[in-house]
Amino acid sequence: MIYFTSDLHFDHINVIKYCARPFNDVNEMNETIINNYNKRVKNNDICYILGDVMMRDTEHARECLKRLNGHKYLIKGNHDFLKDDGTYFEWIKDYYKLRWNHKKFILCHYPFISWDGSERGSYCLHGHQHNMSEYNMQQRADGIKRYDVGIDANHFTPISIEEIVTFFEKKQEQSNNHEKE
């Protein structure tokens, strides 16, 4: 299974206030994120983390990262200064094109207005903005295949590639049904 997430911000106490995250302290936030992640992502799964794993590269933040299941790939965000020798991630990149089931996904920490293949149905997956789930609903309503995979928009849980495709196809299917009436 392939999953996506973003903006974990391990050990970043101020993100609780800035993003109105429902946690009393950074330890509660870290543990909730780790538990939610590991409930979905299993050891043989793949997870693309689209940036901002931690605010600062600390030993404790690295310990949180080490506890996450699966094969992890990092698309760097504006807070990712982690030096990794392969201990935490399979690779680290700024941008990545993923092909799955004859579909193209553009992965970047930052959202794009236009991206490779956007006019032909490709998906733009991003984080950075700390949106709520309404953002993704609005993108779909506007016919834009751009999805914020960040934990703030996804109940502090990674989202699967199948869920993202279904999310957009369900809207397309509804639109097609209305056209036939």
C-alpha atoms as a PDB file:
ATOM      1  CA  MET A   1       0.000   0.000   0.000  1.00  0.00           C
ATOM      2  CA  ILE A   2       1.161   3.547  -0.713  1.00  0.00           C
ATOM      3  CA  TYR A   3       0.461   6.366   1.734  1.00  0.00           C
ATOM      4  CA  PHE A   4       1.149  10.083   1.934  1.00  0.00           C
ATOM      5  CA  THR A   5       1.455  12.543   4.784  1.00  0.00           C
ATOM      6  CA  SER A   6       3.074  15.872   5.541  1.00  0.00           C
ATOM      7  CA  ASP A   7       3.769  18.476   8.201  1.00  0.00           C
ATOM      8  CA  LEU A   8       4.261  16.165  11.170  1.00  0.00           C
ATOM      9  CA  HIS A   9       6.392  18.812  12.929  1.00  0.00           C
ATOM     10  CA  PHE A  10       7.665  16.464  15.620  1.00  0.00           C
ATOM     11  CA  ASP A  11       8.659  18.360  18.788  1.00  0.00           C
ATOM     12  CA  HIS A  12       7.393  21.704  17.437  1.00  0.00           C
ATOM     13  CA  ILE A  13       5.416  23.128  20.339  1.00  0.00           C
ATOM     14  CA  ASN A  14       4.347  26.311  18.535  1.00  0.00           C
ATOM     15  CA  VAL A  15       2.614  24.408  15.704  1.00  0.00           C
ATOM     16  CA  ILE A  16      -0.040  23.411  18.257  1.00  0.00           C
ATOM     17  CA  LYS A  17      -0.971  27.064  18.701  1.00  0.00           C
ATOM     18  CA  TYR A  18      -0.352  28.214  15.101  1.00  0.00           C
ATOM     19  CA  CYS A  19      -2.508  25.486  13.584  1.00  0.00           C
ATOM     20  CA  ALA A  20      -5.000  25.073  16.441  1.00  0.00           C
ATOM     21  CA  ARG A  21      -4.029  21.425  16.828  1.00  0.00           C
ATOM     22  CA  PRO A  22      -6.124  19.806  19.589  1.00  0.00           C
ATOM     23  CA  PHE A  23      -3.236  18.761  21.832  1.00  0.00           C
ATOM     24  CA  ASN A  24      -2.267  19.842  25.347  1.00  0.00           C
ATOM     25  CA  ASP A  25       1.451  19.511  24.717  1.00  0.00           C
ATOM     26  CA  VAL A  26       4.069  18.371  22.217  1.00  0.00           C
ATOM     27  CA  ASN A  27       4.330  14.864  23.697  1.00  0.00           C
ATOM     28  CA  GLU A  28       0.601  14.260  23.214  1.00  0.00           C
ATOM     29  CA  MET A  29       0.892  15.550  19.628  1.00  0.00           C
ATOM     30  CA  ASN A  30       3.935  13.377  18.845  1.00  0.00           C
ATOM     31  CA  GLU A  31       2.337  10.240  20.296  1.00  0.00           C
ATOM     32  CA  THR A  32      -0.985  10.804  18.507  1.00  0.00           C
ATOM     33  CA  ILE A  33       0.782  11.295  15.171  1.00  0.00           C
ATOM     34  CA  ILE A  34       2.952   8.180  15.663  1.00  0.00           C
ATOM     35  CA  ASN A  35       0.001   6.021  16.779  1.00  0.00           C
ATOM     36  CA  ASN A  36      -2.278   7.176  13.943  1.00  0.00           C
ATOM     37  CA  TYR A  37       0.511   6.667  11.410  1.00  0.00           C
ATOM     38  CA  ASN A  38       1.361   3.154  12.618  1.00  0.00           C
ATOM     39  CA  LYS A  39      -2.312   2.091  12.702  1.00  0.00           C
ATOM     40  CA  ARG A  40      -2.428   2.641   8.927  1.00  0.00           C
ATOM     41  CA  VAL A  41       1.113   2.193   7.623  1.00  0.00           C
ATOM     42  CA  LYS A  42       2.508  -1.301   8.098  1.00  0.00           C
ATOM     43  CA  ASN A  43       6.149  -2.391   7.823  1.00  0.00           C
ATOM     44  CA  ASN A  44       5.960  -3.365   4.134  1.00  0.00           C
ATOM     45  CA  ASP A  45       4.012  -0.260   3.093  1.00  0.00           C
ATOM     46  CA  ILE A  46       5.442   2.837   1.437  1.00  0.00           C
ATOM     47  CA  CYS A  47       4.890   6.317   2.820  1.00  0.00           C
ATOM     48  CA  TYR A  48       5.883   9.512   1.057  1.00  0.00           C
ATOM     49  CA  ILE A  49       6.289  12.268   3.622  1.00  0.00           C
ATOM     50  CA  LEU A  50       5.895  15.580   1.817  1.00  0.00           C
ATOM     51  CA  GLY A  51       7.969  17.711   4.111  1.00  0.00           C
ATOM     52  CA  ASP A  52       8.303  19.245   7.540  1.00  0.00           C
ATOM     53  CA  VAL A  53       8.934  16.096   9.549  1.00  0.00           C
ATOM     54  CA  MET A  54      10.415  18.106  12.391  1.00  0.00           C
ATOM     55  CA  MET A  55      11.036  21.749  13.168  1.00  0.00           C
ATOM     56  CA  ARG A  56      14.560  21.140  14.424  1.00  0.00           C
ATOM     57  CA  ASP A  57      16.822  18.138  14.019  1.00  0.00           C
ATOM     58  CA  THR A  58      16.870  16.875  17.612  1.00  0.00           C
ATOM     59  CA  GLU A  59      17.580  13.428  18.990  1.00  0.00           C
ATOM     60  CA  HIS A  60      14.025  13.145  20.342  1.00  0.00           C
ATOM     61  CA  ALA A  61      12.479  14.140  16.984  1.00  0.00           C
ATOM     62  CA  ARG A  62      14.695  11.518  15.305  1.00  0.00           C
ATOM     63  CA  GLU A  63      13.445   8.931  17.809  1.00  0.00           C
ATOM     64  CA  CYS A  64       9.853   9.804  16.840  1.00  0.00           C
ATOM     65  CA  LEU A  65      10.737   9.409  13.159  1.00  0.00           C
ATOM     66  CA  LYS A  66      12.456   6.083  13.833  1.00  0.00           C
ATOM     67  CA  ARG A  67       9.221   4.730  15.361  1.00  0.00           C
ATOM     68  CA  LEU A  68       7.246   5.207  12.122  1.00  0.00           C
ATOM     69  CA  ASN A  69       6.492   2.020  10.167  1.00  0.00           C
ATOM     70  CA  GLY A  70       7.152   1.327   6.526  1.00  0.00           C
ATOM     71  CA  HIS A  71       9.541   2.423   3.813  1.00  0.00           C
ATOM     72  CA  LYS A  72       9.712   6.193   4.107  1.00  0.00           C
ATOM     73  CA  TYR A  73      10.573   8.655   1.328  1.00  0.00           C
ATOM     74  CA  LEU A  74      11.003  12.354   2.105  1.00  0.00           C
ATOM     75  CA  ILE A  75      10.091  15.202  -0.186  1.00  0.00           C
ATOM     76  CA  LYS A  76      11.854  18.086   1.574  1.00  0.00           C
ATOM     77  CA  GLY A  77       9.892  20.914   3.105  1.00  0.00           C
ATOM     78  CA  ASN A  78      10.999  24.300   4.341  1.00  0.00           C
ATOM     79  CA  HIS A  79      11.829  22.891   7.804  1.00  0.00           C
ATOM     80  CA  ASP A  80      13.709  19.772   6.708  1.00  0.00           C
ATOM     81  CA  PHE A  81      17.419  20.081   7.424  1.00  0.00           C
ATOM     82  CA  LEU A  82      17.829  16.467   8.492  1.00  0.00           C
ATOM     83  CA  LYS A  83      21.082  14.842   7.443  1.00  0.00           C
ATOM     84  CA  ASP A  84      20.300  11.229   6.694  1.00  0.00           C
ATOM     85  CA  ASP A  85      22.597   8.382   5.727  1.00  0.00           C
ATOM     86  CA  GLY A  86      19.685   6.104   4.844  1.00  0.00           C
ATOM     87  CA  THR A  87      18.754   5.400   8.454  1.00  0.00           C
ATOM     88  CA  TYR A  88      15.379   7.134   8.225  1.00  0.00           C
ATOM     89  CA  PHE A  89      14.512   7.477   4.536  1.00  0.00           C
ATOM     90  CA  GLU A  90      14.976   5.421   1.377  1.00  0.00           C
ATOM     91  CA  TRP A  91      15.759   8.720  -0.354  1.00  0.00           C
ATOM     92  CA  ILE A  92      15.274  12.471   0.088  1.00  0.00           C
ATOM     93  CA  LYS A  93      14.247  14.704  -2.840  1.00  0.00           C
ATOM     94  CA  ASP A  94      12.772  18.140  -3.496  1.00  0.00           C
ATOM     95  CA  TYR A  95      10.189  16.918  -6.014  1.00  0.00           C
ATOM     96  CA  TYR A  96       9.038  13.591  -7.378  1.00  0.00           C
ATOM     97  CA  LYS A  97       6.813  12.220 -10.160  1.00  0.00           C
ATOM     98  CA  LEU A  98       5.049   9.024  -9.158  1.00  0.00           C
ATOM     99  CA  ARG A  99       3.195   6.799 -11.614  1.00  0.00           C
ATOM    100  CA  TRP A 100       0.604   4.403 -10.271  1.00  0.00           C
ATOM    101  CA  ASN A 101      -2.221   2.576 -12.061  1.00  0.00           C
ATOM    102  CA  HIS A 102      -1.753   4.645 -15.234  1.00  0.00           C
ATOM    103  CA  LYS A 103      -2.054   7.858 -13.205  1.00  0.00           C
ATOM    104  CA  LYS A 104       0.570  10.524 -12.549  1.00  0.00           C
ATOM    105  CA  PHE A 105       1.117  12.147  -9.168  1.00  0.00           C
ATOM    106  CA  ILE A 106       3.350  15.181  -8.664  1.00  0.00           C
ATOM    107  CA  LEU A 107       4.761  15.230  -5.136  1.00  0.00           C
ATOM    108  CA  CYS A 108       6.127  18.421  -3.613  1.00  0.00           C
ATOM    109  CA  HIS A 109       5.930  20.099  -0.234  1.00  0.00           C
ATOM    110  CA  TYR A 110       4.491  23.205  -1.864  1.00  0.00           C
ATOM    111  CA  PRO A 111       1.224  23.415  -3.829  1.00  0.00           C
ATOM    112  CA  PHE A 112       1.350  24.386  -7.489  1.00  0.00           C
ATOM    113  CA  ILE A 113      -1.170  26.397  -9.487  1.00  0.00           C
ATOM    114  CA  SER A 114      -0.184  24.365 -12.544  1.00  0.00           C
ATOM    115  CA  TRP A 115       1.866  21.165 -12.615  1.00  0.00           C
ATOM    116  CA  ASP A 116       3.134  18.557 -15.049  1.00  0.00           C
ATOM    117  CA  GLY A 117       0.072  16.947 -16.599  1.00  0.00           C
ATOM    118  CA  SER A 118      -2.512  19.010 -14.703  1.00  0.00           C
ATOM    119  CA  GLU A 119      -4.454  19.580 -17.913  1.00  0.00           C
ATOM    120  CA  ARG A 120      -4.444  15.801 -18.526  1.00  0.00           C
ATOM    121  CA  GLY A 121      -5.686  14.677 -15.126  1.00  0.00           C
ATOM    122  CA  SER A 122      -2.503  14.291 -13.079  1.00  0.00           C
ATOM    123  CA  TYR A 123      -2.655  14.912  -9.357  1.00  0.00           C
ATOM    124  CA  CYS A 124      -0.669  17.440  -7.323  1.00  0.00           C
ATOM    125  CA  LEU A 125      -0.054  16.213  -3.769  1.00  0.00           C
ATOM    126  CA  HIS A 126       1.407  18.697  -1.291  1.00  0.00           C
ATOM    127  CA  GLY A 127       1.570  19.895   2.287  1.00  0.00           C
ATOM    128  CA  HIS A 128       2.952  23.172   3.686  1.00  0.00           C
ATOM    129  CA  GLN A 129      -0.291  25.113   4.100  1.00  0.00           C
ATOM    130  CA  HIS A 130      -1.709  23.308   7.156  1.00  0.00           C
ATOM    131  CA  ASN A 131      -5.184  23.412   5.600  1.00  0.00           C
ATOM    132  CA  MET A 132      -8.261  21.824   7.096  1.00  0.00           C
ATOM    133  CA  SER A 133     -10.188  19.134   5.189  1.00  0.00           C
ATOM    134  CA  GLU A 134     -12.465  21.785   3.635  1.00  0.00           C
ATOM    135  CA  TYR A 135      -9.555  22.813   1.399  1.00  0.00           C
ATOM    136  CA  ASN A 136      -9.508  19.389  -0.300  1.00  0.00           C
ATOM    137  CA  MET A 137     -13.285  19.455  -0.660  1.00  0.00           C
ATOM    138  CA  GLN A 138     -13.068  22.866  -2.344  1.00  0.00           C
ATOM    139  CA  GLN A 139     -10.320  21.694  -4.710  1.00  0.00           C
ATOM    140  CA  ARG A 140     -12.527  18.798  -5.762  1.00  0.00           C
ATOM    141  CA  ALA A 141     -15.604  21.049  -6.142  1.00  0.00           C
ATOM    142  CA  ASP A 142     -13.550  23.354  -8.368  1.00  0.00           C
ATOM    143  CA  GLY A 143     -12.407  20.415 -10.525  1.00  0.00           C
ATOM    144  CA  ILE A 144      -8.764  20.762  -9.405  1.00  0.00           C
ATOM    145  CA  LYS A 145      -6.846  17.558  -8.653  1.00  0.00           C
ATOM    146  CA  ARG A 146      -4.677  19.170  -5.980  1.00  0.00           C
ATOM    147  CA  TYR A 147      -4.732  17.515  -2.556  1.00  0.00           C
ATOM    148  CA  ASP A 148      -3.186  18.589   0.750  1.00  0.00           C
ATOM    149  CA  VAL A 149      -1.866  15.368   2.319  1.00  0.00           C
ATOM    150  CA  GLY A 150      -0.843  17.195   5.515  1.00  0.00           C
ATOM    151  CA  ILE A 151      -1.972  15.806   8.819  1.00  0.00           C
ATOM    152  CA  ASP A 152      -4.017  18.908   9.619  1.00  0.00           C
ATOM    153  CA  ALA A 153      -6.275  18.213   6.601  1.00  0.00           C
ATOM    154  CA  ASN A 154      -6.442  14.443   7.227  1.00  0.00           C
ATOM    155  CA  HIS A 155      -7.270  13.891  10.908  1.00  0.00           C
ATOM    156  CA  PHE A 156      -3.563  13.528  11.821  1.00  0.00           C
ATOM    157  CA  THR A 157      -3.388  10.342   9.753  1.00  0.00           C
ATOM    158  CA  PRO A 158      -1.677   9.350   6.478  1.00  0.00           C
ATOM    159  CA  ILE A 159      -3.933   8.958   3.451  1.00  0.00           C
ATOM    160  CA  SER A 160      -3.649   6.165   0.889  1.00  0.00           C
ATOM    161  CA  ILE A 161      -3.225   6.634  -2.832  1.00  0.00           C
ATOM    162  CA  GLU A 162      -6.492   4.732  -3.371  1.00  0.00           C
ATOM    163  CA  GLU A 163      -8.363   7.097  -1.061  1.00  0.00           C
ATOM    164  CA  ILE A 164      -7.103  10.132  -2.962  1.00  0.00           C
ATOM    165  CA  VAL A 165      -8.083   8.702  -6.355  1.00  0.00           C
ATOM    166  CA  THR A 166     -11.500   7.626  -5.037  1.00  0.00           C
ATOM    167  CA  PHE A 167     -12.009  11.085  -3.506  1.00  0.00           C
ATOM    168  CA  PHE A 168     -11.631  12.745  -6.908  1.00  0.00           C
ATOM    169  CA  GLU A 169     -13.285  10.028  -9.019  1.00  0.00           C
ATOM    170  CA  LYS A 170     -16.366  10.020  -6.810  1.00  0.00           C
ATOM    171  CA  LYS A 171     -16.913  13.696  -7.656  1.00  0.00           C
ATOM    172  CA  GLN A 172     -16.314  13.023 -11.358  1.00  0.00           C
ATOM    173  CA  GLU A 173     -18.756  10.113 -11.262  1.00  0.00           C
ATOM    174  CA  GLN A 174     -21.404  12.323  -9.608  1.00  0.00           C
ATOM    175  CA  SER A 175     -20.871  15.016 -12.259  1.00  0.00           C
ATOM    176  CA  ASN A 176     -21.259  12.456 -15.070  1.00  0.00           C
ATOM    177  CA  ASN A 177     -24.475  11.111 -13.533  1.00  0.00           C
ATOM    178  CA  HIS A 178     -25.963  14.639 -13.363  1.00  0.00           C
ATOM    179  CA  GLU A 179     -25.077  15.253 -17.026  1.00  0.00           C
ATOM    180  CA  LYS A 180     -26.990  12.098 -18.056  1.00  0.00           C
ATOM    181  CA  GLU A 181     -30.207  13.227 -16.307  1.00  0.00           C
END
